[in-house]
Amino acid sequence: MRLIEEALAGGRSVAVDNTNPSPDEWGPLVAAGHAYGAAVVAYWFPPDLAGSLRRNAARTGRDRVPDVGVRATLRRLRRPTREDGFDAVLDVRFDGRGGFDVRPAPAGGPAARG
């Protein structure tokens, strides 16, 4: 958080590339962004347990997460919404050509899942 706040205080954009499965994890990030006047955008990648386990199995050493950890995160995973304080929520899907299709997320309540 210190590095994020330093970057925001310096007027720089920040991207947090991490699984933040619930408001407990993303709440402080949203608050920090707004405190520094930044637009706060969530990118929702719908869960794909089989794909996640396959990509994780290809990792080695400290980069590999125990499968139980992947499953535990999935259980806590909640789709972010604008009601959570985000200025925008975007849905991200693989486009089948090695890229991504990014679109505004449909309206939905806090329990909406992809």
C-alpha atoms as a PDB file:
ATOM      1  CA  MET A   1       0.000   0.000   0.000  1.00  0.00           C
ATOM      2  CA  ARG A   2       2.885   2.357   0.721  1.00  0.00           C
ATOM      3  CA  LEU A   3       4.169   2.090  -2.852  1.00  0.00           C
ATOM      4  CA  ILE A   4       0.667   2.545  -4.253  1.00  0.00           C
ATOM      5  CA  GLU A   5       0.102   5.660  -2.167  1.00  0.00           C
ATOM      6  CA  GLU A   6       3.526   7.060  -3.125  1.00  0.00           C
ATOM      7  CA  ALA A   7       2.728   6.595  -6.812  1.00  0.00           C
ATOM      8  CA  LEU A   8      -0.719   8.155  -6.471  1.00  0.00           C
ATOM      9  CA  ALA A   9       0.693  11.078  -4.479  1.00  0.00           C
ATOM     10  CA  GLY A  10       3.139  11.617  -7.341  1.00  0.00           C
ATOM     11  CA  GLY A  11       0.276  11.765  -9.835  1.00  0.00           C
ATOM     12  CA  ARG A  12       1.167   8.447 -11.458  1.00  0.00           C
ATOM     13  CA  SER A  13      -1.294   5.786 -12.558  1.00  0.00           C
ATOM     14  CA  VAL A  14      -1.292   2.515 -10.644  1.00  0.00           C
ATOM     15  CA  ALA A  15      -2.327  -0.971 -11.718  1.00  0.00           C
ATOM     16  CA  VAL A  16      -2.662  -3.686  -9.091  1.00  0.00           C
ATOM     17  CA  ASP A  17      -2.220  -7.036 -10.818  1.00  0.00           C
ATOM     18  CA  ASN A  18      -3.382  -9.403  -8.142  1.00  0.00           C
ATOM     19  CA  THR A  19      -6.417 -11.452  -7.227  1.00  0.00           C
ATOM     20  CA  ASN A  20      -8.409  -9.307  -4.846  1.00  0.00           C
ATOM     21  CA  PRO A  21     -11.403 -11.583  -4.343  1.00  0.00           C
ATOM     22  CA  SER A  22     -13.578  -9.481  -2.062  1.00  0.00           C
ATOM     23  CA  PRO A  23     -14.190  -6.009  -0.625  1.00  0.00           C
ATOM     24  CA  ASP A  24     -11.859  -6.848   2.260  1.00  0.00           C
ATOM     25  CA  GLU A  25      -8.944  -6.872  -0.193  1.00  0.00           C
ATOM     26  CA  TRP A  26     -10.039  -4.236  -2.712  1.00  0.00           C
ATOM     27  CA  GLY A  27     -11.614  -1.771  -0.268  1.00  0.00           C
ATOM     28  CA  PRO A  28      -8.323  -0.183   0.849  1.00  0.00           C
ATOM     29  CA  LEU A  29      -7.217   0.101  -2.792  1.00  0.00           C
ATOM     30  CA  VAL A  30     -10.467   1.836  -3.780  1.00  0.00           C
ATOM     31  CA  ALA A  31     -10.198   4.192  -0.802  1.00  0.00           C
ATOM     32  CA  ALA A  32      -6.581   5.086  -1.598  1.00  0.00           C
ATOM     33  CA  GLY A  33      -7.384   5.778  -5.234  1.00  0.00           C
ATOM     34  CA  HIS A  34     -10.254   8.078  -4.339  1.00  0.00           C
ATOM     35  CA  ALA A  35      -8.223   9.809  -1.615  1.00  0.00           C
ATOM     36  CA  TYR A  36      -5.747  10.874  -4.313  1.00  0.00           C
ATOM     37  CA  GLY A  37      -8.421  11.765  -6.883  1.00  0.00           C
ATOM     38  CA  ALA A  38      -7.725   8.791  -9.150  1.00  0.00           C
ATOM     39  CA  ALA A  39     -10.319   6.995 -11.242  1.00  0.00           C
ATOM     40  CA  VAL A  40     -10.645   3.478  -9.800  1.00  0.00           C
ATOM     41  CA  VAL A  41     -11.444   0.755 -12.334  1.00  0.00           C
ATOM     42  CA  ALA A  42     -11.987  -2.957 -11.663  1.00  0.00           C
ATOM     43  CA  TYR A  43     -11.265  -5.546 -14.346  1.00  0.00           C
ATOM     44  CA  TRP A  44     -13.391  -8.682 -13.819  1.00  0.00           C
ATOM     45  CA  PHE A  45     -11.974 -11.903 -15.209  1.00  0.00           C
ATOM     46  CA  PRO A  46     -14.739 -14.515 -14.796  1.00  0.00           C
ATOM     47  CA  PRO A  47     -13.499 -17.538 -12.856  1.00  0.00           C
ATOM     48  CA  ASP A  48     -12.213 -20.545 -14.773  1.00  0.00           C
ATOM     49  CA  LEU A  49     -11.116 -23.103 -12.178  1.00  0.00           C
ATOM     50  CA  ALA A  50      -9.854 -25.684 -14.682  1.00  0.00           C
ATOM     51  CA  GLY A  51      -7.846 -23.058 -16.577  1.00  0.00           C
ATOM     52  CA  SER A  52      -6.466 -21.559 -13.377  1.00  0.00           C
ATOM     53  CA  LEU A  53      -5.338 -24.960 -12.091  1.00  0.00           C
ATOM     54  CA  ARG A  54      -3.750 -25.778 -15.476  1.00  0.00           C
ATOM     55  CA  ARG A  55      -1.810 -22.468 -15.626  1.00  0.00           C
ATOM     56  CA  ASN A  56      -0.813 -22.821 -11.970  1.00  0.00           C
ATOM     57  CA  ALA A  57       0.494 -26.378 -12.544  1.00  0.00           C
ATOM     58  CA  ALA A  58       2.883 -24.983 -15.165  1.00  0.00           C
ATOM     59  CA  ARG A  59       4.470 -22.663 -12.587  1.00  0.00           C
ATOM     60  CA  THR A  60       7.501 -23.631 -10.546  1.00  0.00           C
ATOM     61  CA  GLY A  61       8.911 -22.791  -7.145  1.00  0.00           C
ATOM     62  CA  ARG A  62       7.412 -19.872  -5.261  1.00  0.00           C
ATOM     63  CA  ASP A  63       5.289 -18.903  -8.277  1.00  0.00           C
ATOM     64  CA  ARG A  64       3.148 -22.025  -7.887  1.00  0.00           C
ATOM     65  CA  VAL A  65       0.218 -21.725  -5.482  1.00  0.00           C
ATOM     66  CA  PRO A  66      -1.034 -24.893  -3.759  1.00  0.00           C
ATOM     67  CA  ASP A  67      -4.248 -26.033  -5.471  1.00  0.00           C
ATOM     68  CA  VAL A  68      -6.089 -25.693  -2.172  1.00  0.00           C
ATOM     69  CA  GLY A  69      -5.184 -21.976  -2.234  1.00  0.00           C
ATOM     70  CA  VAL A  70      -6.614 -21.539  -5.724  1.00  0.00           C
ATOM     71  CA  ARG A  71      -9.857 -23.222  -4.635  1.00  0.00           C
ATOM     72  CA  ALA A  72     -10.048 -21.201  -1.400  1.00  0.00           C
ATOM     73  CA  THR A  73      -9.685 -17.945  -3.326  1.00  0.00           C
ATOM     74  CA  LEU A  74     -12.426 -19.017  -5.744  1.00  0.00           C
ATOM     75  CA  ARG A  75     -14.785 -19.574  -2.800  1.00  0.00           C
ATOM     76  CA  ARG A  76     -14.162 -15.989  -1.622  1.00  0.00           C
ATOM     77  CA  LEU A  77     -14.301 -14.478  -5.101  1.00  0.00           C
ATOM     78  CA  ARG A  78     -17.030 -11.888  -5.640  1.00  0.00           C
ATOM     79  CA  ARG A  79     -17.656  -9.858  -8.749  1.00  0.00           C
ATOM     80  CA  PRO A  80     -16.971  -6.165  -8.089  1.00  0.00           C
ATOM     81  CA  THR A  81     -19.674  -3.603  -8.823  1.00  0.00           C
ATOM     82  CA  ARG A  82     -19.870   0.168  -9.013  1.00  0.00           C
ATOM     83  CA  GLU A  83     -21.698  -0.001  -5.671  1.00  0.00           C
ATOM     84  CA  ASP A  84     -18.340  -1.105  -4.198  1.00  0.00           C
ATOM     85  CA  GLY A  85     -16.932   2.339  -5.017  1.00  0.00           C
ATOM     86  CA  PHE A  86     -15.375   1.594  -8.395  1.00  0.00           C
ATOM     87  CA  ASP A  87     -15.758   4.299 -11.006  1.00  0.00           C
ATOM     88  CA  ALA A  88     -16.066   1.594 -13.658  1.00  0.00           C
ATOM     89  CA  VAL A  89     -16.145  -2.201 -13.784  1.00  0.00           C
ATOM     90  CA  LEU A  90     -15.004  -3.895 -16.978  1.00  0.00           C
ATOM     91  CA  ASP A  91     -15.523  -7.513 -18.008  1.00  0.00           C
ATOM     92  CA  VAL A  92     -12.467  -9.174 -19.543  1.00  0.00           C
ATOM     93  CA  ARG A  93     -12.641 -12.352 -21.612  1.00  0.00           C
ATOM     94  CA  PHE A  94     -10.138 -14.169 -23.785  1.00  0.00           C
ATOM     95  CA  ASP A  95     -10.829 -13.353 -27.435  1.00  0.00           C
ATOM     96  CA  GLY A  96      -9.605 -16.709 -28.794  1.00  0.00           C
ATOM     97  CA  ARG A  97      -6.776 -15.031 -30.735  1.00  0.00           C
ATOM     98  CA  GLY A  98      -4.330 -14.483 -27.879  1.00  0.00           C
ATOM     99  CA  GLY A  99      -5.863 -11.215 -26.732  1.00  0.00           C
ATOM    100  CA  PHE A 100      -8.718  -9.947 -24.654  1.00  0.00           C
ATOM    101  CA  ASP A 101     -12.196  -8.585 -25.203  1.00  0.00           C
ATOM    102  CA  VAL A 102     -12.876  -5.811 -22.669  1.00  0.00           C
ATOM    103  CA  ARG A 103     -16.382  -4.399 -22.220  1.00  0.00           C
ATOM    104  CA  PRO A 104     -18.313  -2.484 -19.581  1.00  0.00           C
ATOM    105  CA  ALA A 105     -19.753  -4.941 -17.067  1.00  0.00           C
ATOM    106  CA  PRO A 106     -23.503  -5.405 -17.070  1.00  0.00           C
ATOM    107  CA  ALA A 107     -25.353  -3.941 -14.128  1.00  0.00           C
ATOM    108  CA  GLY A 108     -25.715  -6.388 -11.274  1.00  0.00           C
ATOM    109  CA  GLY A 109     -25.792  -6.672  -7.543  1.00  0.00           C
ATOM    110  CA  PRO A 110     -22.858  -7.549  -5.308  1.00  0.00           C
ATOM    111  CA  ALA A 111     -23.569 -11.290  -5.593  1.00  0.00           C
ATOM    112  CA  ALA A 112     -23.417 -11.323  -9.422  1.00  0.00           C
ATOM    113  CA  ARG A 113     -20.909 -13.847 -10.747  1.00  0.00           C
ATOM    114  CA  GLY A 114     -19.473 -14.411 -14.229  1.00  0.00           C
END
